[in-house]
Amino acid sequence: MERLSEPYTIRYPQIVAVADDSSERVELIEFFDCLGGAMWVRRHYAQSPLVHSVRTVGATNRYILRAGSADLALEGSVFPAGIAAVAADEDEIVISYRGLGGGGVGASICRASAPGIIRYESDPAGGGRLAGSTIWLPRRERVIIGIDDTDTPEEGATWTLAHNIARAVETDRSRYLSHTIVQLYPVPYRTKNCVAIACEFATSDAGELIQSYRDYLEEYTLSDETGMAVWRGFDPSPLDEFGGRVKKGEVSLDDLAALDDRLSLIMRGRGVIGAVAAIPFYTRFEEALALWNGSG
């Protein structure tokens, strides 16, 4: 029987965080390997006063946090672990965790040893004791890349190309977070299914990321009408209205002129309409996949 090197530690595969312009809101994205542990954490950490919301997306738990610190009234079984402090400056995001017993193990070394962390402070944990850690993460921004119209009736598929490029451009400075297929209104000139793609990243080098993605897209697209659009910012909801219109009916290129200045049109083929429309639906999978046929 092979011995377990660390029988009481489960290391998080990766932890990243993005902050808004004010540094008052942070999204903490924790990749997990143990599903049961992740669901336990989601249940209990949601009680932390600094946690606005938490949701599970794929193999990640995502916490919307407000900056500040809080005294956690920890109690076994009732509120055994949580997030005690959140701060963001120009370069780093700092998160502090506290927990009791097994919750303290998760709040300490399991997170402190995760890839993506700059440095950490961690308490000894285990048994019934109180323990925690503070981790320092690189400050990153959210970048959502929308693409559409890369295939032809004879070959290609936009959703596969988008994912493969996202994997290819991923680096330590730019982490690939999500891929969302967005059903658009089936216009007459579609290839077949009329979907666009939103790929989400957390990055500390947006310029390099965007240029690399564009280079790959220009190399591998099969269409002369490819569109690529980029949103840089914490919350793309200013694009909600436009995205809804493209899901409900046909929209012209002229309608792009008045959109938010955090949006950049990188490749301006006809597919740029769908590329922009996909962005606000990132990780909103049920809405993204619904066919809005223009009647509602």
C-alpha atoms as a PDB file:
ATOM      1  CA  MET A   1       0.000   0.000   0.000  1.00  0.00           C
ATOM      2  CA  GLU A   2       1.406   3.387  -1.011  1.00  0.00           C
ATOM      3  CA  ARG A   3       1.650   5.826   1.886  1.00  0.00           C
ATOM      4  CA  LEU A   4      -0.279   9.100   1.714  1.00  0.00           C
ATOM      5  CA  SER A   5       2.169  11.985   1.873  1.00  0.00           C
ATOM      6  CA  GLU A   6      -0.356  14.437   3.352  1.00  0.00           C
ATOM      7  CA  PRO A   7      -3.415  12.525   4.556  1.00  0.00           C
ATOM      8  CA  TYR A   8      -5.049  15.565   6.186  1.00  0.00           C
ATOM      9  CA  THR A   9      -4.443  18.179   3.498  1.00  0.00           C
ATOM     10  CA  ILE A  10      -6.304  18.760   0.229  1.00  0.00           C
ATOM     11  CA  ARG A  11      -4.612  21.509  -1.748  1.00  0.00           C
ATOM     12  CA  TYR A  12      -6.746  23.857  -3.798  1.00  0.00           C
ATOM     13  CA  PRO A  13      -5.711  23.513  -7.476  1.00  0.00           C
ATOM     14  CA  GLN A  14      -5.755  27.302  -7.955  1.00  0.00           C
ATOM     15  CA  ILE A  15      -7.078  30.498  -6.389  1.00  0.00           C
ATOM     16  CA  VAL A  16      -7.434  33.787  -8.278  1.00  0.00           C
ATOM     17  CA  ALA A  17      -9.210  37.071  -7.628  1.00  0.00           C
ATOM     18  CA  VAL A  18     -10.367  40.135  -9.530  1.00  0.00           C
ATOM     19  CA  ALA A  19     -11.267  43.552  -8.124  1.00  0.00           C
ATOM     20  CA  ASP A  20     -13.420  46.396  -9.367  1.00  0.00           C
ATOM     21  CA  ASP A  21     -12.024  49.868 -10.065  1.00  0.00           C
ATOM     22  CA  SER A  22     -12.906  51.123  -6.584  1.00  0.00           C
ATOM     23  CA  SER A  23     -11.224  48.158  -4.834  1.00  0.00           C
ATOM     24  CA  GLU A  24     -14.423  47.805  -2.816  1.00  0.00           C
ATOM     25  CA  ARG A  25     -15.666  44.652  -4.573  1.00  0.00           C
ATOM     26  CA  VAL A  26     -13.650  41.502  -5.117  1.00  0.00           C
ATOM     27  CA  GLU A  27     -14.561  38.251  -6.814  1.00  0.00           C
ATOM     28  CA  LEU A  28     -12.658  35.371  -5.276  1.00  0.00           C
ATOM     29  CA  ILE A  29     -12.500  32.312  -7.535  1.00  0.00           C
ATOM     30  CA  GLU A  30     -11.454  29.078  -5.828  1.00  0.00           C
ATOM     31  CA  PHE A  31     -10.865  26.036  -8.014  1.00  0.00           C
ATOM     32  CA  PHE A  32     -11.600  22.853  -6.091  1.00  0.00           C
ATOM     33  CA  ASP A  33     -10.659  19.190  -6.290  1.00  0.00           C
ATOM     34  CA  CYS A  34     -12.913  17.809  -3.533  1.00  0.00           C
ATOM     35  CA  LEU A  35     -16.581  18.356  -4.401  1.00  0.00           C
ATOM     36  CA  GLY A  36     -17.898  17.573  -0.934  1.00  0.00           C
ATOM     37  CA  GLY A  37     -15.485  19.998   0.680  1.00  0.00           C
ATOM     38  CA  ALA A  38     -16.394  22.695  -1.840  1.00  0.00           C
ATOM     39  CA  MET A  39     -20.113  22.342  -1.113  1.00  0.00           C
ATOM     40  CA  TRP A  40     -19.483  22.463   2.641  1.00  0.00           C
ATOM     41  CA  VAL A  41     -17.443  25.634   2.178  1.00  0.00           C
ATOM     42  CA  ARG A  42     -20.078  27.224  -0.026  1.00  0.00           C
ATOM     43  CA  ARG A  43     -22.764  26.556   2.580  1.00  0.00           C
ATOM     44  CA  HIS A  44     -20.867  27.964   5.540  1.00  0.00           C
ATOM     45  CA  TYR A  45     -18.767  30.751   4.004  1.00  0.00           C
ATOM     46  CA  ALA A  46     -21.942  32.355   2.673  1.00  0.00           C
ATOM     47  CA  GLN A  47     -22.666  33.335   6.291  1.00  0.00           C
ATOM     48  CA  SER A  48     -19.597  35.581   6.479  1.00  0.00           C
ATOM     49  CA  PRO A  49     -20.567  39.258   6.736  1.00  0.00           C
ATOM     50  CA  LEU A  50     -18.137  40.124   3.916  1.00  0.00           C
ATOM     51  CA  VAL A  51     -19.699  37.647   1.466  1.00  0.00           C
ATOM     52  CA  HIS A  52     -22.360  39.230  -0.736  1.00  0.00           C
ATOM     53  CA  SER A  53     -23.012  36.061  -2.754  1.00  0.00           C
ATOM     54  CA  VAL A  54     -21.483  32.727  -3.705  1.00  0.00           C
ATOM     55  CA  ARG A  55     -22.133  30.412  -6.624  1.00  0.00           C
ATOM     56  CA  THR A  56     -20.563  27.320  -8.127  1.00  0.00           C
ATOM     57  CA  VAL A  57     -19.406  27.501 -11.740  1.00  0.00           C
ATOM     58  CA  GLY A  58     -17.880  24.282 -13.036  1.00  0.00           C
ATOM     59  CA  ALA A  59     -15.059  23.279 -10.696  1.00  0.00           C
ATOM     60  CA  THR A  60     -14.962  26.686  -8.985  1.00  0.00           C
ATOM     61  CA  ASN A  61     -16.682  28.468  -6.133  1.00  0.00           C
ATOM     62  CA  ARG A  62     -17.031  32.197  -6.797  1.00  0.00           C
ATOM     63  CA  TYR A  63     -17.506  34.662  -3.967  1.00  0.00           C
ATOM     64  CA  ILE A  64     -18.503  38.288  -4.432  1.00  0.00           C
ATOM     65  CA  LEU A  65     -16.877  40.023  -1.471  1.00  0.00           C
ATOM     66  CA  ARG A  66     -16.815  43.530  -0.055  1.00  0.00           C
ATOM     67  CA  ALA A  67     -13.597  45.002   1.287  1.00  0.00           C
ATOM     68  CA  GLY A  68     -13.271  45.157   5.062  1.00  0.00           C
ATOM     69  CA  SER A  69     -12.819  42.956   8.110  1.00  0.00           C
ATOM     70  CA  ALA A  70     -15.272  41.159  10.347  1.00  0.00           C
ATOM     71  CA  ASP A  71     -15.275  39.329  13.653  1.00  0.00           C
ATOM     72  CA  LEU A  72     -16.658  35.886  12.866  1.00  0.00           C
ATOM     73  CA  ALA A  73     -18.878  34.387  15.553  1.00  0.00           C
ATOM     74  CA  LEU A  74     -17.677  30.891  14.728  1.00  0.00           C
ATOM     75  CA  GLU A  75     -19.531  27.958  16.243  1.00  0.00           C
ATOM     76  CA  GLY A  76     -19.099  24.284  15.513  1.00  0.00           C
ATOM     77  CA  SER A  77     -21.692  22.877  13.080  1.00  0.00           C
ATOM     78  CA  VAL A  78     -23.549  26.213  12.931  1.00  0.00           C
ATOM     79  CA  PHE A  79     -20.913  28.574  11.508  1.00  0.00           C
ATOM     80  CA  PRO A  80     -17.611  26.702  11.615  1.00  0.00           C
ATOM     81  CA  ALA A  81     -15.574  28.696   9.052  1.00  0.00           C
ATOM     82  CA  GLY A  82     -15.605  31.833   6.981  1.00  0.00           C
ATOM     83  CA  ILE A  83     -13.852  34.801   5.392  1.00  0.00           C
ATOM     84  CA  ALA A  84     -12.654  37.333   7.958  1.00  0.00           C
ATOM     85  CA  ALA A  85     -10.954  40.073   5.917  1.00  0.00           C
ATOM     86  CA  VAL A  86     -10.729  41.336   2.336  1.00  0.00           C
ATOM     87  CA  ALA A  87      -8.503  44.092   0.970  1.00  0.00           C
ATOM     88  CA  ALA A  88      -7.229  45.192  -2.425  1.00  0.00           C
ATOM     89  CA  ASP A  89      -4.521  47.656  -3.411  1.00  0.00           C
ATOM     90  CA  GLU A  90      -2.934  48.499  -6.751  1.00  0.00           C
ATOM     91  CA  ASP A  91      -1.013  45.224  -7.003  1.00  0.00           C
ATOM     92  CA  GLU A  92      -2.463  42.662  -4.609  1.00  0.00           C
ATOM     93  CA  ILE A  93      -5.668  41.239  -3.173  1.00  0.00           C
ATOM     94  CA  VAL A  94      -5.535  39.951   0.406  1.00  0.00           C
ATOM     95  CA  ILE A  95      -7.987  37.400   1.836  1.00  0.00           C
ATOM     96  CA  SER A  96      -8.091  36.089   5.426  1.00  0.00           C
ATOM     97  CA  TYR A  97      -9.884  32.869   6.404  1.00  0.00           C
ATOM     98  CA  ARG A  98     -10.747  31.427   9.827  1.00  0.00           C
ATOM     99  CA  GLY A  99     -12.184  28.069  10.833  1.00  0.00           C
ATOM    100  CA  LEU A 100     -12.713  25.529  13.602  1.00  0.00           C
ATOM    101  CA  GLY A 101     -11.565  21.916  13.519  1.00  0.00           C
ATOM    102  CA  GLY A 102     -11.670  20.499  10.005  1.00  0.00           C
ATOM    103  CA  GLY A 103     -12.887  23.892   8.847  1.00  0.00           C
ATOM    104  CA  GLY A 104      -9.663  25.323  10.202  1.00  0.00           C
ATOM    105  CA  VAL A 105      -7.650  22.876   8.087  1.00  0.00           C
ATOM    106  CA  GLY A 106      -9.444  24.141   5.000  1.00  0.00           C
ATOM    107  CA  ALA A 107      -9.046  27.746   6.110  1.00  0.00           C
ATOM    108  CA  SER A 108      -5.315  27.350   6.673  1.00  0.00           C
ATOM    109  CA  ILE A 109      -2.875  25.080   4.858  1.00  0.00           C
ATOM    110  CA  CYS A 110      -5.290  23.825   2.176  1.00  0.00           C
ATOM    111  CA  ARG A 111      -5.595  27.356   0.796  1.00  0.00           C
ATOM    112  CA  ALA A 112      -2.175  28.658   1.778  1.00  0.00           C
ATOM    113  CA  SER A 113      -0.516  26.034  -0.416  1.00  0.00           C
ATOM    114  CA  ALA A 114      -2.628  26.691  -3.523  1.00  0.00           C
ATOM    115  CA  PRO A 115      -1.004  27.688  -6.820  1.00  0.00           C
ATOM    116  CA  GLY A 116      -1.480  31.338  -7.718  1.00  0.00           C
ATOM    117  CA  ILE A 117      -0.644  32.730  -4.278  1.00  0.00           C
ATOM    118  CA  ILE A 118       2.187  35.245  -3.896  1.00  0.00           C
ATOM    119  CA  ARG A 119       2.745  34.575  -0.181  1.00  0.00           C
ATOM    120  CA  TYR A 120       0.810  33.502   2.895  1.00  0.00           C
ATOM    121  CA  GLU A 121       0.649  33.352   6.669  1.00  0.00           C
ATOM    122  CA  SER A 122      -0.926  30.210   8.141  1.00  0.00           C
ATOM    123  CA  ASP A 123      -1.684  28.768  11.566  1.00  0.00           C
ATOM    124  CA  PRO A 124      -1.132  25.160  12.641  1.00  0.00           C
ATOM    125  CA  ALA A 125      -4.429  23.337  12.154  1.00  0.00           C
ATOM    126  CA  GLY A 126      -6.161  20.082  12.981  1.00  0.00           C
ATOM    127  CA  GLY A 127      -8.107  18.530  15.789  1.00  0.00           C
ATOM    128  CA  GLY A 128     -10.589  20.927  17.365  1.00  0.00           C
ATOM    129  CA  ARG A 129      -8.519  24.100  17.324  1.00  0.00           C
ATOM    130  CA  LEU A 130      -9.176  27.483  15.719  1.00  0.00           C
ATOM    131  CA  ALA A 131      -6.922  28.135  12.728  1.00  0.00           C
ATOM    132  CA  GLY A 132      -6.720  30.289   9.655  1.00  0.00           C
ATOM    133  CA  SER A 133      -4.569  31.860   7.014  1.00  0.00           C
ATOM    134  CA  THR A 134      -4.047  35.071   5.114  1.00  0.00           C
ATOM    135  CA  ILE A 135      -3.158  34.832   1.444  1.00  0.00           C
ATOM    136  CA  TRP A 136      -1.832  37.464  -0.927  1.00  0.00           C
ATOM    137  CA  LEU A 137      -2.945  37.112  -4.551  1.00  0.00           C
ATOM    138  CA  PRO A 138      -1.972  39.101  -7.638  1.00  0.00           C
ATOM    139  CA  ARG A 139      -4.592  41.729  -8.386  1.00  0.00           C
ATOM    140  CA  ARG A 140      -6.214  40.797 -11.700  1.00  0.00           C
ATOM    141  CA  GLU A 141      -8.923  42.295 -13.863  1.00  0.00           C
ATOM    142  CA  ARG A 142     -11.739  40.501 -15.612  1.00  0.00           C
ATOM    143  CA  VAL A 143     -11.447  40.290 -19.390  1.00  0.00           C
ATOM    144  CA  ILE A 144     -14.244  38.686 -21.393  1.00  0.00           C
ATOM    145  CA  ILE A 145     -13.548  37.920 -25.032  1.00  0.00           C
ATOM    146  CA  GLY A 146     -16.526  37.417 -27.315  1.00  0.00           C
ATOM    147  CA  ILE A 147     -16.157  35.793 -30.725  1.00  0.00           C
ATOM    148  CA  ASP A 148     -18.544  34.805 -33.494  1.00  0.00           C
ATOM    149  CA  ASP A 149     -18.515  33.640 -37.106  1.00  0.00           C
ATOM    150  CA  THR A 150     -15.338  31.586 -37.456  1.00  0.00           C
ATOM    151  CA  ASP A 151     -16.715  28.649 -39.445  1.00  0.00           C
ATOM    152  CA  THR A 152     -18.219  27.941 -42.853  1.00  0.00           C
ATOM    153  CA  PRO A 153     -21.039  25.612 -43.980  1.00  0.00           C
ATOM    154  CA  GLU A 154     -18.333  23.089 -44.888  1.00  0.00           C
ATOM    155  CA  GLU A 155     -16.110  23.056 -41.798  1.00  0.00           C
ATOM    156  CA  GLY A 156     -15.309  24.495 -38.384  1.00  0.00           C
ATOM    157  CA  ALA A 157     -17.095  25.181 -35.089  1.00  0.00           C
ATOM    158  CA  THR A 158     -16.762  28.449 -33.195  1.00  0.00           C
ATOM    159  CA  TRP A 159     -17.240  26.945 -29.725  1.00  0.00           C
ATOM    160  CA  THR A 160     -14.324  24.523 -30.113  1.00  0.00           C
ATOM    161  CA  LEU A 161     -11.971  27.104 -31.611  1.00  0.00           C
ATOM    162  CA  ALA A 162     -12.775  29.604 -28.836  1.00  0.00           C
ATOM    163  CA  HIS A 163     -11.937  27.074 -26.124  1.00  0.00           C
ATOM    164  CA  ASN A 164      -8.766  25.816 -27.761  1.00  0.00           C
ATOM    165  CA  ILE A 165      -7.441  29.349 -28.249  1.00  0.00           C
ATOM    166  CA  ALA A 166      -8.310  30.209 -24.640  1.00  0.00           C
ATOM    167  CA  ARG A 167      -6.282  27.232 -23.459  1.00  0.00           C
ATOM    168  CA  ALA A 168      -3.397  28.194 -25.741  1.00  0.00           C
ATOM    169  CA  VAL A 169      -3.159  31.788 -24.473  1.00  0.00           C
ATOM    170  CA  GLU A 170      -3.445  30.904 -20.775  1.00  0.00           C
ATOM    171  CA  THR A 171      -0.361  31.868 -18.737  1.00  0.00           C
ATOM    172  CA  ASP A 172       0.467  32.517 -15.097  1.00  0.00           C
ATOM    173  CA  ARG A 173      -0.583  36.131 -15.696  1.00  0.00           C
ATOM    174  CA  SER A 174      -3.820  35.290 -17.517  1.00  0.00           C
ATOM    175  CA  ARG A 175      -6.005  32.503 -16.121  1.00  0.00           C
ATOM    176  CA  TYR A 176      -8.828  31.047 -18.221  1.00  0.00           C
ATOM    177  CA  LEU A 177     -11.984  30.950 -16.087  1.00  0.00           C
ATOM    178  CA  SER A 178     -15.033  30.118 -18.184  1.00  0.00           C
ATOM    179  CA  HIS A 179     -16.467  29.390 -21.629  1.00  0.00           C
ATOM    180  CA  THR A 180     -20.107  30.192 -22.384  1.00  0.00           C
ATOM    181  CA  ILE A 181     -22.055  29.296 -25.527  1.00  0.00           C
ATOM    182  CA  VAL A 182     -24.697  31.946 -26.227  1.00  0.00           C
ATOM    183  CA  GLN A 183     -27.672  31.192 -28.474  1.00  0.00           C
ATOM    184  CA  LEU A 184     -28.495  34.163 -30.695  1.00  0.00           C
ATOM    185  CA  TYR A 185     -31.500  34.907 -32.852  1.00  0.00           C
ATOM    186  CA  PRO A 186     -31.205  32.624 -35.917  1.00  0.00           C
ATOM    187  CA  VAL A 187     -30.553  35.201 -38.623  1.00  0.00           C
ATOM    188  CA  PRO A 188     -30.764  34.056 -42.270  1.00  0.00           C
ATOM    189  CA  TYR A 189     -26.993  34.311 -42.875  1.00  0.00           C
ATOM    190  CA  ARG A 190     -25.999  32.061 -39.928  1.00  0.00           C
ATOM    191  CA  THR A 191     -23.873  28.978 -40.532  1.00  0.00           C
ATOM    192  CA  LYS A 192     -26.352  26.679 -38.785  1.00  0.00           C
ATOM    193  CA  ASN A 193     -27.036  27.103 -35.050  1.00  0.00           C
ATOM    194  CA  CYS A 194     -26.240  30.820 -34.665  1.00  0.00           C
ATOM    195  CA  VAL A 195     -24.270  30.837 -31.426  1.00  0.00           C
ATOM    196  CA  ALA A 196     -21.495  33.103 -30.183  1.00  0.00           C
ATOM    197  CA  ILE A 197     -18.933  32.436 -27.457  1.00  0.00           C
ATOM    198  CA  ALA A 198     -17.738  34.331 -24.383  1.00  0.00           C
ATOM    199  CA  CYS A 199     -14.382  33.320 -22.862  1.00  0.00           C
ATOM    200  CA  GLU A 200     -13.612  34.827 -19.452  1.00  0.00           C
ATOM    201  CA  PHE A 201     -10.140  35.450 -18.024  1.00  0.00           C
ATOM    202  CA  ALA A 202      -8.613  36.886 -14.869  1.00  0.00           C
ATOM    203  CA  THR A 203      -5.492  38.692 -16.000  1.00  0.00           C
ATOM    204  CA  SER A 204      -2.745  41.026 -14.889  1.00  0.00           C
ATOM    205  CA  ASP A 205      -1.613  41.590 -18.487  1.00  0.00           C
ATOM    206  CA  ALA A 206      -4.710  42.328 -20.547  1.00  0.00           C
ATOM    207  CA  GLY A 207      -2.791  43.736 -23.511  1.00  0.00           C
ATOM    208  CA  GLU A 208      -0.741  40.601 -24.048  1.00  0.00           C
ATOM    209  CA  LEU A 209      -3.780  38.358 -23.547  1.00  0.00           C
ATOM    210  CA  ILE A 210      -5.930  40.213 -26.087  1.00  0.00           C
ATOM    211  CA  GLN A 211      -3.179  40.387 -28.687  1.00  0.00           C
ATOM    212  CA  SER A 212      -2.368  36.678 -28.321  1.00  0.00           C
ATOM    213  CA  TYR A 213      -6.018  35.710 -28.646  1.00  0.00           C
ATOM    214  CA  ARG A 214      -6.399  37.870 -31.734  1.00  0.00           C
ATOM    215  CA  ASP A 215      -3.280  36.379 -33.338  1.00  0.00           C
ATOM    216  CA  TYR A 216      -4.612  32.843 -32.908  1.00  0.00           C
ATOM    217  CA  LEU A 217      -8.083  33.811 -34.107  1.00  0.00           C
ATOM    218  CA  GLU A 218      -6.761  35.467 -37.251  1.00  0.00           C
ATOM    219  CA  GLU A 219      -4.622  32.401 -37.939  1.00  0.00           C
ATOM    220  CA  TYR A 220      -7.356  29.784 -37.549  1.00  0.00           C
ATOM    221  CA  THR A 221     -10.667  31.387 -38.471  1.00  0.00           C
ATOM    222  CA  LEU A 222     -12.258  30.060 -41.644  1.00  0.00           C
ATOM    223  CA  SER A 223     -14.547  33.021 -42.197  1.00  0.00           C
ATOM    224  CA  ASP A 224     -14.125  36.504 -43.660  1.00  0.00           C
ATOM    225  CA  GLU A 225     -16.818  37.816 -41.279  1.00  0.00           C
ATOM    226  CA  THR A 226     -15.213  36.930 -37.944  1.00  0.00           C
ATOM    227  CA  GLY A 227     -15.976  39.194 -35.012  1.00  0.00           C
ATOM    228  CA  MET A 228     -13.961  39.598 -31.815  1.00  0.00           C
ATOM    229  CA  ALA A 229     -14.913  41.962 -29.002  1.00  0.00           C
ATOM    230  CA  VAL A 230     -13.352  42.485 -25.570  1.00  0.00           C
ATOM    231  CA  TRP A 231     -14.820  43.735 -22.298  1.00  0.00           C
ATOM    232  CA  ARG A 232     -12.368  44.896 -19.623  1.00  0.00           C
ATOM    233  CA  GLY A 233     -14.101  45.380 -16.306  1.00  0.00           C
ATOM    234  CA  PHE A 234     -15.628  43.766 -13.248  1.00  0.00           C
ATOM    235  CA  ASP A 235     -19.233  43.769 -14.434  1.00  0.00           C
ATOM    236  CA  PRO A 236     -20.382  43.633 -18.087  1.00  0.00           C
ATOM    237  CA  SER A 237     -24.045  44.289 -17.273  1.00  0.00           C
ATOM    238  CA  PRO A 238     -24.039  47.565 -19.287  1.00  0.00           C
ATOM    239  CA  LEU A 239     -24.166  45.234 -22.315  1.00  0.00           C
ATOM    240  CA  ASP A 240     -27.273  43.364 -21.088  1.00  0.00           C
ATOM    241  CA  GLU A 241     -29.746  45.338 -23.165  1.00  0.00           C
ATOM    242  CA  PHE A 242     -27.752  44.911 -26.361  1.00  0.00           C
ATOM    243  CA  GLY A 243     -27.225  41.205 -25.716  1.00  0.00           C
ATOM    244  CA  GLY A 244     -30.948  40.704 -25.195  1.00  0.00           C
ATOM    245  CA  ARG A 245     -31.754  42.449 -28.463  1.00  0.00           C
ATOM    246  CA  VAL A 246     -29.391  40.175 -30.385  1.00  0.00           C
ATOM    247  CA  LYS A 247     -31.020  37.122 -28.812  1.00  0.00           C
ATOM    248  CA  LYS A 248     -34.483  38.397 -29.805  1.00  0.00           C
ATOM    249  CA  GLY A 249     -33.929  39.655 -33.330  1.00  0.00           C
ATOM    250  CA  GLU A 250     -31.609  40.960 -36.005  1.00  0.00           C
ATOM    251  CA  VAL A 251     -29.385  43.913 -35.095  1.00  0.00           C
ATOM    252  CA  SER A 252     -27.232  46.075 -37.389  1.00  0.00           C
ATOM    253  CA  LEU A 253     -23.589  47.075 -37.042  1.00  0.00           C
ATOM    254  CA  ASP A 254     -24.705  50.676 -36.544  1.00  0.00           C
ATOM    255  CA  ASP A 255     -26.172  49.701 -33.162  1.00  0.00           C
ATOM    256  CA  LEU A 256     -22.669  49.088 -31.792  1.00  0.00           C
ATOM    257  CA  ALA A 257     -21.699  52.758 -31.926  1.00  0.00           C
ATOM    258  CA  ALA A 258     -23.203  53.862 -28.607  1.00  0.00           C
ATOM    259  CA  LEU A 259     -21.953  51.027 -26.391  1.00  0.00           C
ATOM    260  CA  ASP A 260     -19.762  51.333 -23.289  1.00  0.00           C
ATOM    261  CA  ASP A 261     -16.166  52.537 -23.637  1.00  0.00           C
ATOM    262  CA  ARG A 262     -14.943  49.519 -21.656  1.00  0.00           C
ATOM    263  CA  LEU A 263     -15.794  47.517 -24.768  1.00  0.00           C
ATOM    264  CA  SER A 264     -13.289  47.187 -27.636  1.00  0.00           C
ATOM    265  CA  LEU A 265     -14.100  45.865 -31.104  1.00  0.00           C
ATOM    266  CA  ILE A 266     -11.005  43.954 -32.168  1.00  0.00           C
ATOM    267  CA  MET A 267     -12.136  42.176 -35.351  1.00  0.00           C
ATOM    268  CA  ARG A 268     -15.000  43.955 -37.078  1.00  0.00           C
ATOM    269  CA  GLY A 269     -16.542  41.390 -39.400  1.00  0.00           C
ATOM    270  CA  ARG A 270     -20.295  40.867 -39.267  1.00  0.00           C
ATOM    271  CA  GLY A 271     -19.755  38.412 -36.403  1.00  0.00           C
ATOM    272  CA  VAL A 272     -18.781  41.265 -34.085  1.00  0.00           C
ATOM    273  CA  ILE A 273     -22.502  41.762 -33.324  1.00  0.00           C
ATOM    274  CA  GLY A 274     -22.763  38.282 -31.852  1.00  0.00           C
ATOM    275  CA  ALA A 275     -19.345  38.619 -30.221  1.00  0.00           C
ATOM    276  CA  VAL A 276     -20.513  41.660 -28.252  1.00  0.00           C
ATOM    277  CA  ALA A 277     -23.892  40.109 -27.464  1.00  0.00           C
ATOM    278  CA  ALA A 278     -22.261  37.026 -25.918  1.00  0.00           C
ATOM    279  CA  ILE A 279     -20.200  38.968 -23.371  1.00  0.00           C
ATOM    280  CA  PRO A 280     -22.883  39.869 -20.763  1.00  0.00           C
ATOM    281  CA  PHE A 281     -24.090  36.262 -20.661  1.00  0.00           C
ATOM    282  CA  TYR A 282     -20.777  34.857 -19.417  1.00  0.00           C
ATOM    283  CA  THR A 283     -21.474  32.047 -16.886  1.00  0.00           C
ATOM    284  CA  ARG A 284     -25.251  32.720 -17.091  1.00  0.00           C
ATOM    285  CA  PHE A 285     -25.651  29.380 -18.819  1.00  0.00           C
ATOM    286  CA  GLU A 286     -29.412  28.874 -18.697  1.00  0.00           C
ATOM    287  CA  GLU A 287     -30.145  32.320 -20.103  1.00  0.00           C
ATOM    288  CA  ALA A 288     -27.287  32.061 -22.566  1.00  0.00           C
ATOM    289  CA  LEU A 289     -28.513  28.798 -24.059  1.00  0.00           C
ATOM    290  CA  ALA A 290     -32.203  29.770 -24.237  1.00  0.00           C
ATOM    291  CA  LEU A 291     -33.601  30.517 -27.664  1.00  0.00           C
ATOM    292  CA  TRP A 292     -35.378  33.878 -27.495  1.00  0.00           C
ATOM    293  CA  ASN A 293     -37.227  33.780 -30.790  1.00  0.00           C
ATOM    294  CA  GLY A 294     -38.365  37.394 -30.840  1.00  0.00           C
ATOM    295  CA  SER A 295     -41.782  36.840 -29.305  1.00  0.00           C
ATOM    296  CA  GLY A 296     -40.764  37.677 -25.731  1.00  0.00           C
END
